[in-house]
Amino acid sequence: MKIIFHKRFVKNFDKRIKPYPALLNKFNERYQLFIKNKHNPILKTHSLTGLLKGKQSFSITGDIRVIFQEKERIIEFLDIGTHNQVYK
């Protein structure tokens, strides 16, 4: 499994996560869990519906989510932010 980062993810990560050490630490912790097992119950990974059908999400905190899509053996992180920021 290879993980790549969409430019929107990188931009929003740098703006919404990186400046906040506690969020950055939580992201790093959850990212490691994701690498080991993307279906770890702590991550609350789930498929999305509606306009985001075909994509999935996992939780960093109660309100911070990562949106990603999986194609063959590649996972692309598409966006990161609060529930309202990523599910627009």
PDB file of N, CA and C in Angstrom:
ATOM      1  N   MET A   1       0.847  -1.188   0.000  1.00  0.00           N
ATOM      2  CA  MET A   1       0.000   0.000   0.000  1.00  0.00           C
ATOM      3  C   MET A   1       0.890   1.248   0.000  1.00  0.00           C
ATOM      4  N   LYS A   2       0.629   2.126  -0.925  1.00  0.00           N
ATOM      5  CA  LYS A   2       1.367   3.376  -1.022  1.00  0.00           C
ATOM      6  C   LYS A   2       0.403   4.515  -0.717  1.00  0.00           C
ATOM      7  N   ILE A   3       0.827   5.489   0.073  1.00  0.00           N
ATOM      8  CA  ILE A   3       0.000   6.646   0.409  1.00  0.00           C
ATOM      9  C   ILE A   3       0.579   7.880  -0.277  1.00  0.00           C
ATOM     10  N   ILE A   4      -0.297   8.600  -0.983  1.00  0.00           N
ATOM     11  CA  ILE A   4       0.098   9.862  -1.607  1.00  0.00           C
ATOM     12  C   ILE A   4      -0.818  10.967  -1.096  1.00  0.00           C
ATOM     13  N   PHE A   5      -0.390  12.192  -1.248  1.00  0.00           N
ATOM     14  CA  PHE A   5      -1.115  13.334  -0.702  1.00  0.00           C
ATOM     15  C   PHE A   5      -1.492  14.310  -1.815  1.00  0.00           C
ATOM     16  N   HIS A   6      -2.774  14.512  -1.983  1.00  0.00           N
ATOM     17  CA  HIS A   6      -3.290  15.480  -2.957  1.00  0.00           C
ATOM     18  C   HIS A   6      -2.852  16.875  -2.540  1.00  0.00           C
ATOM     19  N   LYS A   7      -2.674  17.776  -3.506  1.00  0.00           N
ATOM     20  CA  LYS A   7      -2.220  19.133  -3.171  1.00  0.00           C
ATOM     21  C   LYS A   7      -3.206  19.853  -2.246  1.00  0.00           C
ATOM     22  N   ARG A   8      -4.503  19.568  -2.360  1.00  0.00           N
ATOM     23  CA  ARG A   8      -5.490  20.178  -1.458  1.00  0.00           C
ATOM     24  C   ARG A   8      -5.271  19.700  -0.019  1.00  0.00           C
ATOM     25  N   PHE A   9      -4.948  18.394   0.134  1.00  0.00           N
ATOM     26  CA  PHE A   9      -4.662  17.863   1.467  1.00  0.00           C
ATOM     27  C   PHE A   9      -3.465  18.584   2.072  1.00  0.00           C
ATOM     28  N   VAL A  10      -2.392  18.708   1.296  1.00  0.00           N
ATOM     29  CA  VAL A  10      -1.164  19.347   1.788  1.00  0.00           C
ATOM     30  C   VAL A  10      -1.445  20.790   2.184  1.00  0.00           C
ATOM     31  N   LYS A  11      -2.156  21.526   1.344  1.00  0.00           N
ATOM     32  CA  LYS A  11      -2.482  22.925   1.633  1.00  0.00           C
ATOM     33  C   LYS A  11      -3.293  23.040   2.920  1.00  0.00           C
ATOM     34  N   ASN A  12      -4.338  22.219   3.051  1.00  0.00           N
ATOM     35  CA  ASN A  12      -5.185  22.299   4.235  1.00  0.00           C
ATOM     36  C   ASN A  12      -4.491  21.756   5.482  1.00  0.00           C
ATOM     37  N   PHE A  13      -3.633  20.755   5.329  1.00  0.00           N
ATOM     38  CA  PHE A  13      -2.846  20.249   6.452  1.00  0.00           C
ATOM     39  C   PHE A  13      -1.939  21.358   6.989  1.00  0.00           C
ATOM     40  N   ASP A  14      -1.258  22.045   6.078  1.00  0.00           N
ATOM     41  CA  ASP A  14      -0.338  23.119   6.483  1.00  0.00           C
ATOM     42  C   ASP A  14      -1.079  24.267   7.179  1.00  0.00           C
ATOM     43  N   LYS A  15      -2.321  24.507   6.786  1.00  0.00           N
ATOM     44  CA  LYS A  15      -3.096  25.611   7.350  1.00  0.00           C
ATOM     45  C   LYS A  15      -3.880  25.207   8.604  1.00  0.00           C
ATOM     46  N   ARG A  16      -4.451  24.009   8.608  1.00  0.00           N
ATOM     47  CA  ARG A  16      -5.388  23.613   9.661  1.00  0.00           C
ATOM     48  C   ARG A  16      -4.800  22.734  10.758  1.00  0.00           C
ATOM     49  N   ILE A  17      -3.696  22.046  10.480  1.00  0.00           N
ATOM     50  CA  ILE A  17      -3.149  21.073  11.432  1.00  0.00           C
ATOM     51  C   ILE A  17      -1.751  21.450  11.916  1.00  0.00           C
ATOM     52  N   LYS A  18      -0.857  21.710  10.989  1.00  0.00           N
ATOM     53  CA  LYS A  18       0.559  21.939  11.297  1.00  0.00           C
ATOM     54  C   LYS A  18       0.814  23.029  12.345  1.00  0.00           C
ATOM     55  N   PRO A  19       0.088  24.149  12.327  1.00  0.00           N
ATOM     56  CA  PRO A  19       0.367  25.198  13.314  1.00  0.00           C
ATOM     57  C   PRO A  19      -0.024  24.841  14.756  1.00  0.00           C
ATOM     58  N   TYR A  20      -0.723  23.720  14.941  1.00  0.00           N
ATOM     59  CA  TYR A  20      -1.243  23.364  16.262  1.00  0.00           C
ATOM     60  C   TYR A  20      -0.590  22.067  16.735  1.00  0.00           C
ATOM     61  N   PRO A  21       0.393  22.174  17.643  1.00  0.00           N
ATOM     62  CA  PRO A  21       1.159  20.997  18.057  1.00  0.00           C
ATOM     63  C   PRO A  21       0.312  19.826  18.545  1.00  0.00           C
ATOM     64  N   ALA A  22      -0.748  20.088  19.288  1.00  0.00           N
ATOM     65  CA  ALA A  22      -1.579  18.992  19.783  1.00  0.00           C
ATOM     66  C   ALA A  22      -2.266  18.262  18.632  1.00  0.00           C
ATOM     67  N   LEU A  23      -2.763  19.013  17.657  1.00  0.00           N
ATOM     68  CA  LEU A  23      -3.398  18.394  16.485  1.00  0.00           C
ATOM     69  C   LEU A  23      -2.376  17.649  15.635  1.00  0.00           C
ATOM     70  N   LEU A  24      -1.197  18.229  15.496  1.00  0.00           N
ATOM     71  CA  LEU A  24      -0.137  17.574  14.730  1.00  0.00           C
ATOM     72  C   LEU A  24       0.239  16.237  15.370  1.00  0.00           C
ATOM     73  N   ASN A  25       0.374  16.220  16.689  1.00  0.00           N
ATOM     74  CA  ASN A  25       0.687  14.973  17.394  1.00  0.00           C
ATOM     75  C   ASN A  25      -0.417  13.947  17.217  1.00  0.00           C
ATOM     76  N   LYS A  26      -1.677  14.391  17.320  1.00  0.00           N
ATOM     77  CA  LYS A  26      -2.811  13.483  17.153  1.00  0.00           C
ATOM     78  C   LYS A  26      -2.847  12.934  15.732  1.00  0.00           C
ATOM     79  N   PHE A  27      -2.583  13.794  14.735  1.00  0.00           N
ATOM     80  CA  PHE A  27      -2.534  13.316  13.350  1.00  0.00           C
ATOM     81  C   PHE A  27      -1.453  12.247  13.199  1.00  0.00           C
ATOM     82  N   ASN A  28      -0.257  12.516  13.700  1.00  0.00           N
ATOM     83  CA  ASN A  28       0.845  11.553  13.572  1.00  0.00           C
ATOM     84  C   ASN A  28       0.491  10.216  14.217  1.00  0.00           C
ATOM     85  N   GLU A  29      -0.154  10.275  15.374  1.00  0.00           N
ATOM     86  CA  GLU A  29      -0.571   9.062  16.077  1.00  0.00           C
ATOM     87  C   GLU A  29      -1.578   8.274  15.228  1.00  0.00           C
ATOM     88  N   ARG A  30      -2.593   8.951  14.700  1.00  0.00           N
ATOM     89  CA  ARG A  30      -3.632   8.289  13.911  1.00  0.00           C
ATOM     90  C   ARG A  30      -3.082   7.821  12.554  1.00  0.00           C
ATOM     91  N   TYR A  31      -2.164   8.561  12.002  1.00  0.00           N
ATOM     92  CA  TYR A  31      -1.554   8.168  10.730  1.00  0.00           C
ATOM     93  C   TYR A  31      -0.808   6.838  10.891  1.00  0.00           C
ATOM     94  N   GLN A  32      -0.096   6.685  11.995  1.00  0.00           N
ATOM     95  CA  GLN A  32       0.609   5.427  12.256  1.00  0.00           C
ATOM     96  C   GLN A  32      -0.377   4.266  12.414  1.00  0.00           C
ATOM     97  N   LEU A  33      -1.486   4.518  13.100  1.00  0.00           N
ATOM     98  CA  LEU A  33      -2.525   3.490  13.219  1.00  0.00           C
ATOM     99  C   LEU A  33      -3.070   3.126  11.839  1.00  0.00           C
ATOM    100  N   PHE A  34      -3.309   4.137  11.012  1.00  0.00           N
ATOM    101  CA  PHE A  34      -3.838   3.928   9.666  1.00  0.00           C
ATOM    102  C   PHE A  34      -2.896   3.068   8.836  1.00  0.00           C
ATOM    103  N   ILE A  35      -1.595   3.344   8.916  1.00  0.00           N
ATOM    104  CA  ILE A  35      -0.605   2.572   8.160  1.00  0.00           C
ATOM    105  C   ILE A  35      -0.652   1.098   8.573  1.00  0.00           C
ATOM    106  N   LYS A  36      -0.798   0.840   9.863  1.00  0.00           N
ATOM    107  CA  LYS A  36      -0.820  -0.544  10.354  1.00  0.00           C
ATOM    108  C   LYS A  36      -2.121  -1.258  10.008  1.00  0.00           C
ATOM    109  N   ASN A  37      -3.253  -0.523  10.114  1.00  0.00           N
ATOM    110  CA  ASN A  37      -4.563  -1.120   9.861  1.00  0.00           C
ATOM    111  C   ASN A  37      -5.578  -0.005   9.661  1.00  0.00           C
ATOM    112  N   LYS A  38      -5.922   0.258   8.417  1.00  0.00           N
ATOM    113  CA  LYS A  38      -6.827   1.374   8.133  1.00  0.00           C
ATOM    114  C   LYS A  38      -8.222   1.162   8.705  1.00  0.00           C
ATOM    115  N   HIS A  39      -8.523  -0.056   9.162  1.00  0.00           N
ATOM    116  CA  HIS A  39      -9.827  -0.330   9.762  1.00  0.00           C
ATOM    117  C   HIS A  39      -9.755  -0.458  11.281  1.00  0.00           C
ATOM    118  N   ASN A  40      -8.691   0.065  11.879  1.00  0.00           N
ATOM    119  CA  ASN A  40      -8.594   0.076  13.340  1.00  0.00           C
ATOM    120  C   ASN A  40      -9.824   0.805  13.883  1.00  0.00           C
ATOM    121  N   PRO A  41     -10.529   0.219  14.846  1.00  0.00           N
ATOM    122  CA  PRO A  41     -11.758   0.840  15.358  1.00  0.00           C
ATOM    123  C   PRO A  41     -11.566   2.261  15.905  1.00  0.00           C
ATOM    124  N   ILE A  42     -10.378   2.583  16.378  1.00  0.00           N
ATOM    125  CA  ILE A  42     -10.109   3.929  16.902  1.00  0.00           C
ATOM    126  C   ILE A  42     -10.277   4.973  15.791  1.00  0.00           C
ATOM    127  N   LEU A  43      -9.979   4.601  14.549  1.00  0.00           N
ATOM    128  CA  LEU A  43     -10.029   5.536  13.425  1.00  0.00           C
ATOM    129  C   LEU A  43     -11.458   5.813  12.937  1.00  0.00           C
ATOM    130  N   LYS A  44     -12.365   4.909  13.226  1.00  0.00           N
ATOM    131  CA  LYS A  44     -13.759   5.051  12.779  1.00  0.00           C
ATOM    132  C   LYS A  44     -13.832   5.247  11.260  1.00  0.00           C
ATOM    133  N   THR A  45     -13.049   4.457  10.532  1.00  0.00           N
ATOM    134  CA  THR A  45     -13.027   4.533   9.070  1.00  0.00           C
ATOM    135  C   THR A  45     -14.388   4.121   8.518  1.00  0.00           C
ATOM    136  N   HIS A  46     -14.873   4.917   7.579  1.00  0.00           N
ATOM    137  CA  HIS A  46     -16.172   4.594   6.979  1.00  0.00           C
ATOM    138  C   HIS A  46     -16.253   5.143   5.549  1.00  0.00           C
ATOM    139  N   SER A  47     -17.094   4.499   4.749  1.00  0.00           N
ATOM    140  CA  SER A  47     -17.347   4.942   3.380  1.00  0.00           C
ATOM    141  C   SER A  47     -18.293   6.125   3.398  1.00  0.00           C
ATOM    142  N   LEU A  48     -18.123   7.006   2.421  1.00  0.00           N
ATOM    143  CA  LEU A  48     -18.947   8.208   2.341  1.00  0.00           C
ATOM    144  C   LEU A  48     -20.034   8.034   1.282  1.00  0.00           C
ATOM    145  N   THR A  49     -21.054   8.883   1.362  1.00  0.00           N
ATOM    146  CA  THR A  49     -22.181   8.817   0.439  1.00  0.00           C
ATOM    147  C   THR A  49     -22.368  10.177  -0.221  1.00  0.00           C
ATOM    148  N   GLY A  50     -23.382  10.264  -1.051  1.00  0.00           N
ATOM    149  CA  GLY A  50     -23.702  11.538  -1.702  1.00  0.00           C
ATOM    150  C   GLY A  50     -22.609  11.965  -2.659  1.00  0.00           C
ATOM    151  N   LEU A  51     -22.267  13.250  -2.588  1.00  0.00           N
ATOM    152  CA  LEU A  51     -21.247  13.805  -3.492  1.00  0.00           C
ATOM    153  C   LEU A  51     -19.873  13.178  -3.283  1.00  0.00           C
ATOM    154  N   LEU A  52     -19.635  12.608  -2.114  1.00  0.00           N
ATOM    155  CA  LEU A  52     -18.326  12.000  -1.812  1.00  0.00           C
ATOM    156  C   LEU A  52     -18.348  10.474  -1.930  1.00  0.00           C
ATOM    157  N   LYS A  53     -19.374   9.940  -2.593  1.00  0.00           N
ATOM    158  CA  LYS A  53     -19.475   8.491  -2.776  1.00  0.00           C
ATOM    159  C   LYS A  53     -18.213   7.970  -3.467  1.00  0.00           C
ATOM    160  N   GLY A  54     -17.707   6.847  -2.989  1.00  0.00           N
ATOM    161  CA  GLY A  54     -16.485   6.273  -3.525  1.00  0.00           C
ATOM    162  C   GLY A  54     -15.250   6.658  -2.726  1.00  0.00           C
ATOM    163  N   LYS A  55     -15.443   7.582  -1.798  1.00  0.00           N
ATOM    164  CA  LYS A  55     -14.350   8.012  -0.929  1.00  0.00           C
ATOM    165  C   LYS A  55     -14.617   7.510   0.484  1.00  0.00           C
ATOM    166  N   GLN A  56     -13.590   7.590   1.331  1.00  0.00           N
ATOM    167  CA  GLN A  56     -13.708   7.155   2.710  1.00  0.00           C
ATOM    168  C   GLN A  56     -13.166   8.239   3.632  1.00  0.00           C
ATOM    169  N   SER A  57     -13.433   8.065   4.911  1.00  0.00           N
ATOM    170  CA  SER A  57     -13.001   9.033   5.907  1.00  0.00           C
ATOM    171  C   SER A  57     -12.536   8.300   7.157  1.00  0.00           C
ATOM    172  N   PHE A  58     -11.585   8.923   7.866  1.00  0.00           N
ATOM    173  CA  PHE A  58     -11.260   8.447   9.216  1.00  0.00           C
ATOM    174  C   PHE A  58     -11.048   9.651  10.114  1.00  0.00           C
ATOM    175  N   SER A  59     -11.194   9.410  11.412  1.00  0.00           N
ATOM    176  CA  SER A  59     -11.170  10.486  12.402  1.00  0.00           C
ATOM    177  C   SER A  59      -9.788  10.689  12.991  1.00  0.00           C
ATOM    178  N   ILE A  60      -9.411  11.954  13.116  1.00  0.00           N
ATOM    179  CA  ILE A  60      -8.200  12.343  13.832  1.00  0.00           C
ATOM    180  C   ILE A  60      -8.586  12.704  15.264  1.00  0.00           C
ATOM    181  N   THR A  61      -9.622  13.533  15.402  1.00  0.00           N
ATOM    182  CA  THR A  61     -10.215  13.862  16.704  1.00  0.00           C
ATOM    183  C   THR A  61     -11.726  13.717  16.540  1.00  0.00           C
ATOM    184  N   GLY A  62     -12.474  14.139  17.526  1.00  0.00           N
ATOM    185  CA  GLY A  62     -13.928  14.080  17.427  1.00  0.00           C
ATOM    186  C   GLY A  62     -14.470  14.835  16.230  1.00  0.00           C
ATOM    187  N   ASP A  63     -13.800  15.915  15.799  1.00  0.00           N
ATOM    188  CA  ASP A  63     -14.317  16.722  14.701  1.00  0.00           C
ATOM    189  C   ASP A  63     -13.393  16.796  13.485  1.00  0.00           C
ATOM    190  N   ILE A  64     -12.140  16.415  13.620  1.00  0.00           N
ATOM    191  CA  ILE A  64     -11.188  16.498  12.502  1.00  0.00           C
ATOM    192  C   ILE A  64     -11.190  15.174  11.735  1.00  0.00           C
ATOM    193  N   ARG A  65     -11.340  15.276  10.412  1.00  0.00           N
ATOM    194  CA  ARG A  65     -11.419  14.105   9.547  1.00  0.00           C
ATOM    195  C   ARG A  65     -10.385  14.171   8.424  1.00  0.00           C
ATOM    196  N   VAL A  66     -10.007  12.995   7.948  1.00  0.00           N
ATOM    197  CA  VAL A  66      -9.215  12.858   6.721  1.00  0.00           C
ATOM    198  C   VAL A  66     -10.107  12.160   5.699  1.00  0.00           C
ATOM    199  N   ILE A  67     -10.211  12.761   4.517  1.00  0.00           N
ATOM    200  CA  ILE A  67     -10.937  12.154   3.404  1.00  0.00           C
ATOM    201  C   ILE A  67      -9.898  11.512   2.488  1.00  0.00           C
ATOM    202  N   PHE A  68     -10.143  10.266   2.088  1.00  0.00           N
ATOM    203  CA  PHE A  68      -9.195   9.591   1.209  1.00  0.00           C
ATOM    204  C   PHE A  68      -9.935   8.696   0.222  1.00  0.00           C
ATOM    205  N   GLN A  69      -9.213   8.326  -0.827  1.00  0.00           N
ATOM    206  CA  GLN A  69      -9.743   7.352  -1.776  1.00  0.00           C
ATOM    207  C   GLN A  69      -8.681   6.307  -2.039  1.00  0.00           C
ATOM    208  N   GLU A  70      -9.143   5.124  -2.345  1.00  0.00           N
ATOM    209  CA  GLU A  70      -8.240   3.999  -2.575  1.00  0.00           C
ATOM    210  C   GLU A  70      -8.460   3.483  -3.985  1.00  0.00           C
ATOM    211  N   LYS A  71      -7.372   3.383  -4.728  1.00  0.00           N
ATOM    212  CA  LYS A  71      -7.409   2.825  -6.077  1.00  0.00           C
ATOM    213  C   LYS A  71      -6.274   1.819  -6.184  1.00  0.00           C
ATOM    214  N   GLU A  72      -6.651   0.584  -6.408  1.00  0.00           N
ATOM    215  CA  GLU A  72      -5.704  -0.517  -6.482  1.00  0.00           C
ATOM    216  C   GLU A  72      -4.863  -0.540  -5.205  1.00  0.00           C
ATOM    217  N   ARG A  73      -3.572  -0.326  -5.301  1.00  0.00           N
ATOM    218  CA  ARG A  73      -2.712  -0.376  -4.107  1.00  0.00           C
ATOM    219  C   ARG A  73      -2.246   1.016  -3.688  1.00  0.00           C
ATOM    220  N   ILE A  74      -2.982   2.057  -4.120  1.00  0.00           N
ATOM    221  CA  ILE A  74      -2.618   3.435  -3.778  1.00  0.00           C
ATOM    222  C   ILE A  74      -3.753   4.081  -2.993  1.00  0.00           C
ATOM    223  N   ILE A  75      -3.408   4.696  -1.881  1.00  0.00           N
ATOM    224  CA  ILE A  75      -4.359   5.477  -1.099  1.00  0.00           C
ATOM    225  C   ILE A  75      -3.953   6.935  -1.244  1.00  0.00           C
ATOM    226  N   GLU A  76      -4.916   7.758  -1.630  1.00  0.00           N
ATOM    227  CA  GLU A  76      -4.649   9.185  -1.785  1.00  0.00           C
ATOM    228  C   GLU A  76      -5.431   9.953  -0.732  1.00  0.00           C
ATOM    229  N   PHE A  77      -4.716  10.675   0.116  1.00  0.00           N
ATOM    230  CA  PHE A  77      -5.352  11.567   1.083  1.00  0.00           C
ATOM    231  C   PHE A  77      -5.783  12.820   0.326  1.00  0.00           C
ATOM    232  N   LEU A  78      -7.085  13.118   0.373  1.00  0.00           N
ATOM    233  CA  LEU A  78      -7.646  14.204  -0.427  1.00  0.00           C
ATOM    234  C   LEU A  78      -7.835  15.498   0.342  1.00  0.00           C
ATOM    235  N   ASP A  79      -8.252  15.411   1.610  1.00  0.00           N
ATOM    236  CA  ASP A  79      -8.546  16.620   2.379  1.00  0.00           C
ATOM    237  C   ASP A  79      -8.464  16.297   3.858  1.00  0.00           C
ATOM    238  N   ILE A  80      -8.282  17.348   4.657  1.00  0.00           N
ATOM    239  CA  ILE A  80      -8.268  17.213   6.113  1.00  0.00           C
ATOM    240  C   ILE A  80      -8.872  18.486   6.687  1.00  0.00           C
ATOM    241  N   GLY A  81      -9.641  18.327   7.742  1.00  0.00           N
ATOM    242  CA  GLY A  81     -10.249  19.482   8.400  1.00  0.00           C
ATOM    243  C   GLY A  81     -11.417  19.044   9.266  1.00  0.00           C
ATOM    244  N   THR A  82     -12.142  20.039   9.748  1.00  0.00           N
ATOM    245  CA  THR A  82     -13.313  19.746  10.565  1.00  0.00           C
ATOM    246  C   THR A  82     -14.396  19.109   9.699  1.00  0.00           C
ATOM    247  N   HIS A  83     -15.364  18.542  10.357  1.00  0.00           N
ATOM    248  CA  HIS A  83     -16.501  17.935   9.671  1.00  0.00           C
ATOM    249  C   HIS A  83     -17.092  18.915   8.664  1.00  0.00           C
ATOM    250  N   ASN A  84     -17.345  20.151   9.074  1.00  0.00           N
ATOM    251  CA  ASN A  84     -17.941  21.151   8.184  1.00  0.00           C
ATOM    252  C   ASN A  84     -17.013  21.548   7.046  1.00  0.00           C
ATOM    253  N   GLN A  85     -15.698  21.524   7.262  1.00  0.00           N
ATOM    254  CA  GLN A  85     -14.754  21.923   6.220  1.00  0.00           C
ATOM    255  C   GLN A  85     -14.617  20.871   5.107  1.00  0.00           C
ATOM    256  N   VAL A  86     -14.659  19.598   5.466  1.00  0.00           N
ATOM    257  CA  VAL A  86     -14.406  18.563   4.463  1.00  0.00           C
ATOM    258  C   VAL A  86     -15.668  17.979   3.841  1.00  0.00           C
ATOM    259  N   TYR A  87     -16.806  18.105   4.521  1.00  0.00           N
ATOM    260  CA  TYR A  87     -18.066  17.579   3.979  1.00  0.00           C
ATOM    261  C   TYR A  87     -18.924  18.693   3.429  1.00  0.00           C
ATOM    262  N   LYS A  88     -18.372  19.473   2.523  1.00  0.00           N
ATOM    263  CA  LYS A  88     -19.121  20.598   1.971  1.00  0.00           C
ATOM    264  C   LYS A  88     -19.743  20.263   0.643  1.00  0.00           C
TER     265      LYS A  88
END
